[in-house]
N, C-alpha and C. Protein backbone atom coordinates (compact mmCIF):
# COMPACT_ATOMS: atom_id res chain seq x y z
N MET A 1 14.05 12.56 -1.35
CA MET A 1 13.58 12.87 -2.55
C MET A 1 13.55 14.22 -2.83
N ARG A 2 13.17 14.56 -4.08
CA ARG A 2 12.94 15.97 -4.91
C ARG A 2 11.87 16.08 -5.58
N VAL A 3 12.10 17.29 -6.07
CA VAL A 3 10.91 17.57 -7.57
C VAL A 3 11.81 17.48 -8.44
N ILE A 4 11.65 16.87 -9.46
CA ILE A 4 12.66 16.19 -10.71
C ILE A 4 12.71 17.30 -11.59
N ALA A 5 11.75 17.96 -12.32
CA ALA A 5 11.62 19.05 -12.81
C ALA A 5 10.67 19.86 -12.94
N GLY A 6 10.59 21.03 -13.91
CA GLY A 6 9.65 22.22 -13.75
C GLY A 6 9.44 22.93 -12.73
N GLU A 7 8.82 23.87 -12.47
CA GLU A 7 8.71 24.98 -11.58
C GLU A 7 9.58 25.04 -10.42
N TYR A 8 9.08 23.70 -9.78
CA TYR A 8 9.71 23.55 -8.33
C TYR A 8 11.10 22.42 -8.97
N ARG A 9 11.78 22.37 -9.20
CA ARG A 9 12.51 21.28 -9.63
C ARG A 9 13.68 21.72 -8.76
N SER A 10 14.26 20.24 -8.37
CA SER A 10 15.57 20.33 -7.34
C SER A 10 14.96 20.72 -5.75
N ARG A 11 13.65 20.99 -5.65
CA ARG A 11 13.15 21.43 -4.18
C ARG A 11 13.07 19.85 -3.48
N VAL A 12 13.05 20.00 -2.33
CA VAL A 12 13.28 18.78 -1.53
C VAL A 12 11.98 18.62 -0.94
N LEU A 13 11.79 17.31 -0.77
CA LEU A 13 9.96 16.67 -0.38
C LEU A 13 9.95 15.78 0.83
N HIS A 14 9.40 15.79 1.83
CA HIS A 14 9.42 15.26 2.70
C HIS A 14 8.63 13.91 2.90
N ALA A 15 9.01 12.99 3.04
CA ALA A 15 8.02 11.68 3.31
C ALA A 15 7.67 11.49 4.89
N PRO A 16 6.18 11.19 5.04
CA PRO A 16 6.01 10.54 6.53
C PRO A 16 6.96 9.59 7.17
N ARG A 17 7.25 9.75 8.32
CA ARG A 17 8.07 8.69 8.94
C ARG A 17 7.32 7.19 9.01
N GLY A 18 8.06 6.21 9.14
CA GLY A 18 7.66 4.76 9.20
C GLY A 18 7.88 4.22 8.13
N LEU A 19 7.28 2.83 8.02
CA LEU A 19 7.46 1.87 7.18
C LEU A 19 6.10 2.32 6.23
N ASP A 20 4.99 2.45 6.74
CA ASP A 20 3.82 2.74 6.03
C ASP A 20 3.68 2.99 4.25
N THR A 21 4.54 4.16 4.28
CA THR A 21 4.82 4.78 3.05
C THR A 21 5.64 5.06 2.32
N ARG A 22 5.65 4.53 0.99
CA ARG A 22 7.22 3.74 0.16
C ARG A 22 6.87 5.04 -0.90
N PRO A 23 7.72 5.90 -0.89
CA PRO A 23 7.66 6.99 -1.77
C PRO A 23 7.78 6.49 -3.28
N THR A 24 7.32 6.87 -4.42
CA THR A 24 7.80 6.40 -5.47
C THR A 24 9.32 7.16 -5.55
N SER A 25 10.28 6.24 -5.96
CA SER A 25 11.36 6.99 -6.57
C SER A 25 11.58 7.94 -7.56
N ASP A 26 12.50 8.73 -7.10
CA ASP A 26 12.91 9.98 -8.20
C ASP A 26 13.13 9.28 -9.74
N ARG A 27 14.06 8.17 -9.52
CA ARG A 27 14.28 7.66 -10.77
C ARG A 27 13.25 7.18 -11.67
N LEU A 28 11.92 6.54 -10.67
CA LEU A 28 10.86 6.01 -11.67
C LEU A 28 9.71 7.05 -11.77
N ARG A 29 9.76 8.47 -11.12
CA ARG A 29 8.71 9.37 -11.49
C ARG A 29 9.46 10.33 -12.58
N GLU A 30 10.73 9.95 -12.84
CA GLU A 30 11.29 10.76 -14.01
C GLU A 30 10.80 10.29 -15.09
N THR A 31 11.33 8.80 -14.98
CA THR A 31 10.74 7.95 -16.24
C THR A 31 9.26 7.79 -16.45
N LEU A 32 8.70 7.87 -15.49
CA LEU A 32 7.01 8.12 -15.59
C LEU A 32 6.48 9.65 -16.47
N PHE A 33 6.94 10.67 -16.10
CA PHE A 33 6.73 12.01 -16.34
C PHE A 33 7.17 12.22 -17.79
N ASN A 34 8.83 11.39 -18.18
CA ASN A 34 9.27 11.19 -19.45
C ASN A 34 7.86 11.10 -20.10
N VAL A 35 7.51 9.70 -19.88
CA VAL A 35 6.18 9.10 -20.91
C VAL A 35 4.96 9.82 -21.14
N LEU A 36 4.35 10.81 -19.81
CA LEU A 36 3.58 11.62 -19.60
C LEU A 36 3.77 13.15 -20.23
N ALA A 37 5.22 13.49 -20.47
CA ALA A 37 5.15 14.79 -20.49
C ALA A 37 4.06 15.46 -21.78
N PRO A 38 3.90 15.13 -22.30
CA PRO A 38 2.80 15.67 -23.39
C PRO A 38 1.44 15.73 -23.11
N ARG A 39 1.06 15.54 -22.21
CA ARG A 39 -0.40 15.34 -21.59
C ARG A 39 -0.47 15.77 -20.19
N VAL A 40 0.89 16.33 -19.47
CA VAL A 40 0.66 16.78 -18.28
C VAL A 40 0.12 18.24 -18.08
N LYS A 41 0.73 19.00 -19.04
CA LYS A 41 0.43 20.46 -18.84
C LYS A 41 -1.19 20.84 -18.84
N GLY A 42 -1.65 21.51 -18.48
CA GLY A 42 -3.48 21.54 -18.56
C GLY A 42 -4.31 20.63 -17.86
N ALA A 43 -3.40 19.40 -17.29
CA ALA A 43 -4.25 18.57 -17.20
C ALA A 43 -4.64 18.70 -15.57
N VAL A 44 -5.48 17.95 -15.37
CA VAL A 44 -6.17 17.48 -13.50
C VAL A 44 -5.34 16.35 -13.45
N PHE A 45 -4.95 15.95 -12.62
CA PHE A 45 -4.01 14.97 -12.12
C PHE A 45 -4.42 14.31 -10.73
N LEU A 46 -4.47 13.23 -10.91
CA LEU A 46 -5.34 12.27 -9.49
C LEU A 46 -4.30 11.86 -8.65
N ASP A 47 -4.09 11.89 -7.73
CA ASP A 47 -3.09 10.82 -6.94
C ASP A 47 -3.59 9.94 -6.11
N LEU A 48 -3.78 8.93 -6.52
CA LEU A 48 -4.27 8.27 -5.17
C LEU A 48 -3.42 7.24 -4.34
N TYR A 49 -3.76 7.14 -3.03
CA TYR A 49 -2.92 6.72 -2.43
C TYR A 49 -1.59 7.92 -2.50
N ALA A 50 -1.73 8.64 -2.25
CA ALA A 50 -0.76 9.95 -2.33
C ALA A 50 0.42 9.96 -1.90
N GLY A 51 0.66 9.52 -0.24
CA GLY A 51 1.60 9.20 0.47
C GLY A 51 2.02 10.86 0.76
N SER A 52 3.51 10.85 0.27
CA SER A 52 4.02 12.34 0.77
C SER A 52 3.60 13.51 -0.54
N GLY A 53 2.51 12.90 -1.62
CA GLY A 53 1.88 13.82 -2.48
C GLY A 53 3.13 14.14 -3.69
N ALA A 54 4.11 13.32 -3.55
CA ALA A 54 5.31 13.73 -4.50
C ALA A 54 5.03 13.62 -6.25
N VAL A 55 3.86 12.76 -6.25
CA VAL A 55 3.77 12.59 -7.96
C VAL A 55 2.76 13.78 -8.41
N GLY A 56 2.00 14.11 -7.43
CA GLY A 56 0.69 15.15 -7.60
C GLY A 56 1.82 16.35 -7.49
N ILE A 57 2.44 16.52 -6.86
CA ILE A 57 3.36 17.63 -6.68
C ILE A 57 4.15 17.79 -8.00
N GLU A 58 4.92 16.85 -8.47
CA GLU A 58 5.63 16.61 -9.52
C GLU A 58 4.73 17.02 -10.93
N ALA A 59 3.14 16.94 -10.95
CA ALA A 59 2.82 16.92 -11.73
C ALA A 59 2.47 18.39 -12.16
N LEU A 60 2.16 19.14 -10.58
CA LEU A 60 1.76 20.50 -10.64
C LEU A 60 3.02 21.03 -11.00
N SER A 61 4.62 20.71 -10.72
CA SER A 61 5.40 21.59 -11.07
C SER A 61 5.58 21.84 -12.59
N ARG A 62 5.10 20.65 -13.24
CA ARG A 62 5.32 20.25 -14.87
C ARG A 62 4.03 21.29 -15.40
N GLY A 63 3.27 21.74 -14.93
CA GLY A 63 2.03 22.53 -15.38
C GLY A 63 1.00 22.06 -15.45
N ALA A 64 0.51 20.75 -14.63
CA ALA A 64 -0.65 20.66 -14.31
C ALA A 64 -1.79 21.54 -13.71
N ARG A 65 -2.94 21.52 -14.14
CA ARG A 65 -3.74 22.65 -13.97
C ARG A 65 -4.08 22.15 -12.64
N GLU A 66 -4.38 21.14 -11.96
CA GLU A 66 -4.58 20.26 -10.40
C GLU A 66 -4.32 19.51 -10.04
N ALA A 67 -3.82 19.21 -9.09
CA ALA A 67 -3.72 18.02 -8.57
C ALA A 67 -4.70 17.63 -7.72
N ILE A 68 -5.31 16.37 -7.53
CA ILE A 68 -6.25 15.92 -6.17
C ILE A 68 -5.48 15.02 -5.67
N PHE A 69 -5.26 15.33 -4.55
CA PHE A 69 -4.48 13.84 -3.71
C PHE A 69 -5.28 13.20 -2.74
N VAL A 70 -5.51 11.96 -2.51
CA VAL A 70 -6.53 11.27 -1.54
C VAL A 70 -5.73 10.38 -0.93
N GLU A 71 -5.72 10.48 -0.08
CA GLU A 71 -4.89 9.90 1.36
C GLU A 71 -5.60 9.63 2.39
N GLN A 72 -5.41 8.48 2.72
CA GLN A 72 -6.40 8.35 4.14
C GLN A 72 -5.48 8.48 5.55
N ALA A 73 -4.23 8.22 5.43
CA ALA A 73 -3.37 8.43 6.46
C ALA A 73 -3.41 9.56 6.89
N GLU A 74 -3.28 10.21 8.36
CA GLU A 74 -3.24 11.46 8.46
C GLU A 74 -1.95 11.96 8.68
N THR A 75 -0.68 10.97 9.15
CA THR A 75 0.54 10.94 8.74
C THR A 75 0.95 11.58 7.36
N ALA A 76 0.33 10.94 6.47
CA ALA A 76 0.68 11.14 5.24
C ALA A 76 0.35 12.70 4.82
N ASN A 77 -1.09 13.12 4.98
CA ASN A 77 -1.77 14.29 4.84
C ASN A 77 -1.07 15.30 5.44
N ARG A 78 -0.46 14.99 6.76
CA ARG A 78 0.42 15.95 7.33
C ARG A 78 1.42 16.08 6.26
N ALA A 79 2.00 15.09 5.98
CA ALA A 79 3.66 15.13 4.61
C ALA A 79 2.96 16.21 3.68
N ILE A 80 1.91 15.84 3.29
CA ILE A 80 1.17 16.61 1.97
C ILE A 80 1.27 17.98 2.04
N ARG A 81 0.44 18.28 2.89
CA ARG A 81 0.39 19.76 3.11
C ARG A 81 1.55 20.56 3.69
N GLY A 82 2.68 19.70 4.05
CA GLY A 82 3.42 20.33 4.90
C GLY A 82 4.58 20.56 3.43
N ASN A 83 4.35 19.48 2.34
CA ASN A 83 5.38 19.78 0.93
C ASN A 83 4.61 21.03 0.43
N LEU A 84 3.35 20.99 0.21
CA LEU A 84 2.56 21.82 -0.87
C LEU A 84 3.09 23.27 -0.19
N ALA A 85 2.99 23.31 1.18
CA ALA A 85 3.34 24.82 2.03
C ALA A 85 4.95 24.94 1.80
N SER A 86 5.92 24.11 1.91
CA SER A 86 7.22 24.65 1.55
C SER A 86 7.61 25.01 0.23
N LEU A 87 6.85 24.69 -0.65
CA LEU A 87 6.84 24.68 -2.06
C LEU A 87 6.01 26.38 -2.29
N GLY A 88 5.28 26.60 -1.42
CA GLY A 88 4.46 27.85 -1.71
C GLY A 88 3.27 27.60 -2.69
N ILE A 89 2.92 26.55 -2.83
CA ILE A 89 1.66 26.16 -3.50
C ILE A 89 0.42 26.23 -2.67
N ARG A 90 -0.24 27.36 -3.18
CA ARG A 90 -1.55 27.62 -2.36
C ARG A 90 -2.77 27.07 -2.98
N GLY A 91 -2.80 26.91 -4.21
CA GLY A 91 -4.05 26.71 -4.89
C GLY A 91 -4.02 25.62 -6.03
N ASN A 92 -4.44 25.35 -6.87
CA ASN A 92 -5.05 24.53 -7.63
C ASN A 92 -4.34 22.51 -7.41
N TYR A 93 -4.96 22.98 -6.01
CA TYR A 93 -4.89 21.34 -5.77
C TYR A 93 -6.05 21.01 -4.62
N ALA A 94 -6.37 19.95 -4.69
CA ALA A 94 -7.81 19.65 -3.43
C ALA A 94 -6.92 18.08 -2.57
N LEU A 95 -7.42 18.07 -1.59
CA LEU A 95 -6.70 17.08 -0.35
C LEU A 95 -8.22 16.47 -0.17
N GLU A 96 -8.16 15.01 -0.21
CA GLU A 96 -9.30 14.18 0.14
C GLU A 96 -8.94 13.35 1.09
N PRO A 97 -9.16 13.38 2.28
CA PRO A 97 -8.81 13.34 3.44
C PRO A 97 -9.24 11.34 4.14
N ARG A 98 -9.41 10.78 2.90
CA ARG A 98 -10.12 9.25 3.05
C ARG A 98 -9.66 8.52 2.10
N SER A 99 -10.18 7.32 2.36
CA SER A 99 -10.00 6.39 1.47
C SER A 99 -10.00 6.35 -0.09
N VAL A 100 -9.31 5.67 -0.76
CA VAL A 100 -9.48 5.52 -2.28
C VAL A 100 -10.78 5.30 -2.51
N THR A 101 -11.33 4.08 -1.78
CA THR A 101 -12.73 4.08 -2.33
C THR A 101 -13.75 5.26 -2.21
N ALA A 102 -14.12 5.50 -0.64
CA ALA A 102 -14.58 6.82 -0.65
C ALA A 102 -14.43 8.18 -1.12
N GLY A 103 -13.04 8.35 -1.46
CA GLY A 103 -12.55 9.11 -2.30
C GLY A 103 -12.97 9.79 -4.04
N LEU A 104 -12.92 8.05 -4.72
CA LEU A 104 -13.57 8.07 -5.87
C LEU A 104 -15.47 8.15 -5.91
N ARG A 105 -15.42 7.58 -5.15
CA ARG A 105 -17.30 7.80 -5.15
C ARG A 105 -17.39 9.36 -4.76
N ARG A 106 -16.74 9.77 -4.03
CA ARG A 106 -17.10 11.38 -3.60
C ARG A 106 -16.52 12.06 -4.60
N LEU A 107 -15.59 12.03 -5.50
CA LEU A 107 -15.09 12.71 -6.61
C LEU A 107 -16.36 12.53 -7.85
N ALA A 108 -16.64 10.85 -8.11
CA ALA A 108 -17.90 10.59 -9.58
C ALA A 108 -18.77 11.50 -8.59
N GLU A 109 -19.40 11.49 -7.33
CA GLU A 109 -20.95 12.11 -7.09
C GLU A 109 -20.70 13.51 -7.53
N ALA A 110 -19.32 14.40 -7.14
CA ALA A 110 -19.16 15.94 -7.49
C ALA A 110 -19.13 16.32 -9.07
N GLY A 111 -19.21 15.00 -9.51
CA GLY A 111 -18.95 15.43 -11.38
C GLY A 111 -17.53 15.97 -11.25
N ARG A 112 -16.78 15.54 -10.65
CA ARG A 112 -15.19 15.84 -10.99
C ARG A 112 -14.40 14.63 -12.01
N GLN A 113 -13.68 15.45 -12.70
CA GLN A 113 -13.16 14.76 -13.79
C GLN A 113 -11.26 14.47 -14.15
N ALA A 114 -10.71 13.58 -14.01
CA ALA A 114 -9.53 13.80 -13.77
C ALA A 114 -8.79 13.31 -15.35
N ASP A 115 -7.66 13.87 -15.85
CA ASP A 115 -7.39 13.57 -17.20
C ASP A 115 -6.17 11.94 -16.86
N LEU A 116 -5.10 12.13 -15.88
CA LEU A 116 -4.66 11.88 -15.60
C LEU A 116 -4.50 10.81 -13.82
N VAL A 117 -4.47 9.76 -13.69
CA VAL A 117 -4.84 9.04 -12.50
C VAL A 117 -3.78 8.33 -12.26
N PHE A 118 -3.20 8.26 -11.25
CA PHE A 118 -1.86 7.65 -10.48
C PHE A 118 -2.18 7.12 -9.28
N LEU A 119 -1.90 5.74 -9.50
CA LEU A 119 -2.31 5.07 -8.05
C LEU A 119 -0.93 4.19 -7.55
N ASP A 120 -0.89 4.11 -6.52
CA ASP A 120 0.51 3.53 -5.59
C ASP A 120 -0.02 3.11 -4.26
N PRO A 121 -0.69 2.25 -4.07
CA PRO A 121 -1.03 1.49 -2.87
C PRO A 121 0.20 0.77 -2.35
N PRO A 122 0.10 0.62 -1.00
CA PRO A 122 1.50 -0.12 -0.48
C PRO A 122 1.42 -1.63 -1.12
N TYR A 123 2.67 -1.65 -1.74
CA TYR A 123 2.74 -3.41 -2.51
C TYR A 123 2.12 -4.42 -1.63
N THR A 124 2.17 -4.33 -0.50
CA THR A 124 1.46 -5.95 0.69
C THR A 124 0.02 -5.55 0.40
N GLN A 125 -0.79 -4.46 -0.02
CA GLN A 125 -2.03 -4.68 -0.23
C GLN A 125 -2.84 -4.88 -1.24
N ALA A 126 -2.40 -5.87 -2.22
CA ALA A 126 -2.68 -6.51 -3.55
C ALA A 126 -4.32 -5.89 -4.03
N ASP A 127 -4.98 -6.03 -2.62
CA ASP A 127 -6.36 -6.07 -3.16
C ASP A 127 -7.03 -4.64 -2.98
N GLU A 128 -5.98 -3.78 -3.11
CA GLU A 128 -6.41 -2.19 -3.12
C GLU A 128 -6.24 -2.05 -4.70
N TYR A 129 -5.22 -2.68 -5.17
CA TYR A 129 -5.23 -2.30 -6.60
C TYR A 129 -6.70 -2.57 -7.41
N ALA A 130 -7.29 -4.22 -7.02
CA ALA A 130 -8.07 -4.48 -7.72
C ALA A 130 -9.62 -3.36 -7.19
N ALA A 131 -9.47 -3.00 -6.01
CA ALA A 131 -10.26 -2.07 -5.87
C ALA A 131 -10.60 -0.82 -6.48
N ALA A 132 -9.29 -0.33 -6.83
CA ALA A 132 -9.18 1.22 -7.02
C ALA A 132 -9.32 1.05 -8.81
N LEU A 133 -8.70 0.40 -9.29
CA LEU A 133 -9.22 -0.04 -10.74
C LEU A 133 -10.43 -0.38 -11.26
N ASN A 134 -10.80 -1.35 -10.53
CA ASN A 134 -12.35 -1.92 -10.55
C ASN A 134 -13.35 -0.70 -10.51
N LEU A 135 -13.28 0.32 -9.82
CA LEU A 135 -14.13 1.36 -9.40
C LEU A 135 -13.81 2.30 -10.31
N LEU A 136 -12.54 2.23 -10.99
CA LEU A 136 -12.38 3.56 -12.13
C LEU A 136 -13.07 2.79 -13.51
N GLY A 137 -12.74 1.66 -13.43
CA GLY A 137 -13.14 0.57 -14.80
C GLY A 137 -14.79 0.81 -14.83
N GLY A 138 -15.36 0.90 -13.76
CA GLY A 138 -16.99 0.44 -13.80
C GLY A 138 -17.51 1.90 -12.93
N GLU A 139 -17.90 1.51 -11.72
CA GLU A 139 -18.82 2.82 -11.08
C GLU A 139 -18.16 3.97 -10.81
N CYS A 140 -16.88 4.06 -10.83
CA CYS A 140 -16.75 5.28 -10.84
C CYS A 140 -15.72 5.87 -12.07
N SER A 141 -16.36 5.20 -12.90
CA SER A 141 -15.56 5.71 -14.39
C SER A 141 -15.66 7.24 -14.79
N SER A 142 -16.72 7.49 -14.04
CA SER A 142 -17.03 9.21 -14.79
C SER A 142 -15.94 9.99 -14.11
N VAL A 143 -15.37 9.94 -13.46
CA VAL A 143 -14.17 10.44 -12.71
C VAL A 143 -13.23 10.48 -13.81
N LEU A 144 -13.34 9.72 -15.06
CA LEU A 144 -12.13 9.67 -16.03
C LEU A 144 -12.71 10.40 -16.97
N ALA A 145 -12.15 11.60 -17.52
CA ALA A 145 -12.15 12.65 -18.40
C ALA A 145 -11.64 12.07 -19.87
N PRO A 146 -12.26 12.12 -20.96
CA PRO A 146 -12.65 11.72 -22.59
C PRO A 146 -10.67 11.41 -22.60
N GLY A 147 -10.40 10.17 -22.95
CA GLY A 147 -9.23 10.20 -23.42
C GLY A 147 -8.15 9.90 -21.94
N ALA A 148 -8.93 9.87 -20.76
CA ALA A 148 -7.65 9.61 -19.35
C ALA A 148 -7.24 8.52 -19.75
N LEU A 149 -5.86 8.68 -19.14
CA LEU A 149 -5.19 7.61 -18.51
C LEU A 149 -4.93 7.06 -17.37
N VAL A 150 -4.75 5.91 -16.74
CA VAL A 150 -5.04 5.35 -15.11
C VAL A 150 -3.57 4.84 -15.44
N ILE A 151 -2.52 5.17 -14.50
CA ILE A 151 -1.57 4.31 -14.19
C ILE A 151 -1.16 3.69 -12.85
N ALA A 152 -0.88 2.88 -12.61
CA ALA A 152 -0.41 2.06 -11.54
C ALA A 152 1.04 1.89 -11.36
N GLU A 153 1.99 1.87 -10.64
CA GLU A 153 2.78 1.61 -9.99
C GLU A 153 2.63 0.55 -8.91
N HIS A 154 3.66 -0.94 -9.55
CA HIS A 154 3.20 -1.98 -8.62
C HIS A 154 4.80 -2.78 -8.46
N GLU A 155 4.76 -3.50 -7.64
CA GLU A 155 6.12 -4.71 -7.42
C GLU A 155 6.12 -5.12 -9.20
N LYS A 156 7.40 -5.43 -9.56
CA LYS A 156 7.64 -5.97 -10.99
C LYS A 156 6.96 -7.48 -10.89
N ARG A 157 7.42 -7.96 -9.99
CA ARG A 157 6.75 -9.67 -9.95
C ARG A 157 5.50 -9.85 -9.83
N ARG A 158 4.83 -8.84 -9.39
CA ARG A 158 3.20 -8.84 -9.44
C ARG A 158 2.63 -8.46 -10.25
N GLU A 159 2.19 -9.20 -11.30
CA GLU A 159 1.14 -8.58 -12.63
C GLU A 159 -0.19 -8.32 -11.85
N LEU A 160 -0.67 -7.23 -12.58
CA LEU A 160 -1.53 -6.63 -12.77
C LEU A 160 -2.55 -7.22 -13.76
N ASP A 161 -3.89 -7.31 -13.78
CA ASP A 161 -4.89 -7.79 -14.78
C ASP A 161 -4.90 -7.18 -16.04
N GLU A 162 -5.26 -7.51 -16.81
CA GLU A 162 -5.14 -6.88 -18.47
C GLU A 162 -6.55 -6.06 -18.56
N ARG A 163 -7.21 -6.42 -17.87
CA ARG A 163 -8.61 -5.63 -17.93
C ARG A 163 -9.14 -5.19 -16.30
N TYR A 164 -9.59 -4.07 -16.44
CA TYR A 164 -10.71 -4.06 -15.04
C TYR A 164 -11.71 -3.10 -15.47
N GLY A 165 -12.64 -4.00 -15.65
CA GLY A 165 -14.18 -3.44 -16.39
C GLY A 165 -13.87 -2.90 -17.57
N ARG A 166 -13.87 -1.57 -17.96
CA ARG A 166 -13.59 -0.61 -19.35
C ARG A 166 -12.18 -0.32 -19.29
N LEU A 167 -11.34 -0.62 -18.17
CA LEU A 167 -9.98 -0.13 -18.33
C LEU A 167 -9.25 -1.10 -18.97
N ALA A 168 -8.43 -0.95 -19.97
CA ALA A 168 -7.33 -2.17 -20.44
C ALA A 168 -5.74 -1.82 -20.74
N ARG A 169 -5.31 -2.40 -20.45
CA ARG A 169 -3.79 -2.18 -20.18
C ARG A 169 -3.26 -2.32 -21.56
N TYR A 170 -2.34 -1.17 -21.69
CA TYR A 170 -1.94 -1.11 -23.25
C TYR A 170 -0.22 -0.99 -22.96
N ARG A 171 0.22 -0.99 -21.84
CA ARG A 171 1.55 -0.51 -21.57
C ARG A 171 1.76 -1.25 -20.28
N VAL A 172 3.28 -1.39 -20.42
CA VAL A 172 4.17 -2.17 -18.60
C VAL A 172 5.38 -1.37 -18.99
N LEU A 173 6.04 -0.81 -18.12
CA LEU A 173 7.51 -0.45 -17.83
C LEU A 173 7.76 -0.67 -16.63
N LYS A 174 9.00 -1.36 -16.64
CA LYS A 174 9.64 -1.86 -15.84
C LYS A 174 11.03 -1.55 -15.45
N GLN A 175 11.32 -1.13 -13.92
CA GLN A 175 12.59 -0.45 -13.47
C GLN A 175 12.94 -0.91 -12.32
N GLY A 176 13.98 -1.16 -11.91
CA GLY A 176 14.39 -2.03 -10.76
C GLY A 176 13.52 -3.08 -10.25
N ASP A 177 12.75 -3.01 -9.14
CA ASP A 177 11.72 -3.91 -8.75
C ASP A 177 10.21 -3.32 -8.72
N ALA A 178 10.44 -2.32 -9.52
CA ALA A 178 9.31 -1.78 -9.76
C ALA A 178 8.39 -1.74 -11.27
N ALA A 179 7.09 -1.85 -11.29
CA ALA A 179 6.62 -1.45 -12.60
C ALA A 179 5.47 -0.69 -12.81
N ILE A 180 5.35 0.10 -13.92
CA ILE A 180 4.02 1.06 -13.76
C ILE A 180 3.53 0.42 -15.06
N SER A 181 2.34 0.30 -14.83
CA SER A 181 1.14 -0.44 -15.99
C SER A 181 0.05 0.62 -16.29
N PHE A 182 0.27 1.18 -17.49
CA PHE A 182 -0.84 1.99 -18.19
C PHE A 182 -2.01 1.43 -18.91
N TYR A 183 -3.24 2.01 -18.51
CA TYR A 183 -4.42 1.80 -18.97
C TYR A 183 -5.29 2.99 -19.15
N ARG A 184 -6.38 2.40 -20.07
CA ARG A 184 -6.84 3.53 -20.86
C ARG A 184 -8.66 2.78 -21.13
N THR A 185 -9.72 3.75 -21.19
CA THR A 185 -10.57 3.01 -21.10
C THR A 185 -11.24 2.93 -22.79
N GLU A 186 -11.63 1.40 -22.68
CA GLU A 186 -12.29 1.15 -23.94
C GLU A 186 -13.67 0.57 -23.77
N PRO A 187 -14.20 0.74 -25.31
CA PRO A 187 -15.61 0.39 -25.12
C PRO A 187 -15.76 -1.48 -24.62
N ASP A 188 -17.11 -1.27 -23.60
CA ASP A 188 -17.53 -2.75 -23.05
C ASP A 188 -17.59 -3.78 -24.45
């Protein structure tokens, strides 16, 4: 696994050992950031279920102002910290070592906002998609800056809902066995 483009291009990233973390493939990350390219520079990027931190690090490499990593597993948090250290990234990031539900509530209470939100829970935990997307489309919608996008990586064969509260899906990209669904806030 490597950083695809930007300041840290071609640098190697490490994922936590074991089968609990499934990193977003280099190819899918490249596709994602090709779509997001005009929006990344200067953005606050929220990486939910961050795993190795590869997606948030890719955002930093491409000019994001800040990346916020939300990850509950301590092995994954060690991997994120190790990847940030190996790249020499000492600022412009925050690590929330807690569940996504607790992390989103904490960010909302603190008045934090993100321009781009990426979520990639373990494919086997389908309920996590609904939980996170419902929070972002409802109780924790204040975390979304005006015009923010929410992007969910999921199995191609598992369709996500069209709406989660105020979040409405407007695009789906499929690649291999994976898909990424794009959401934006719409009025109730």
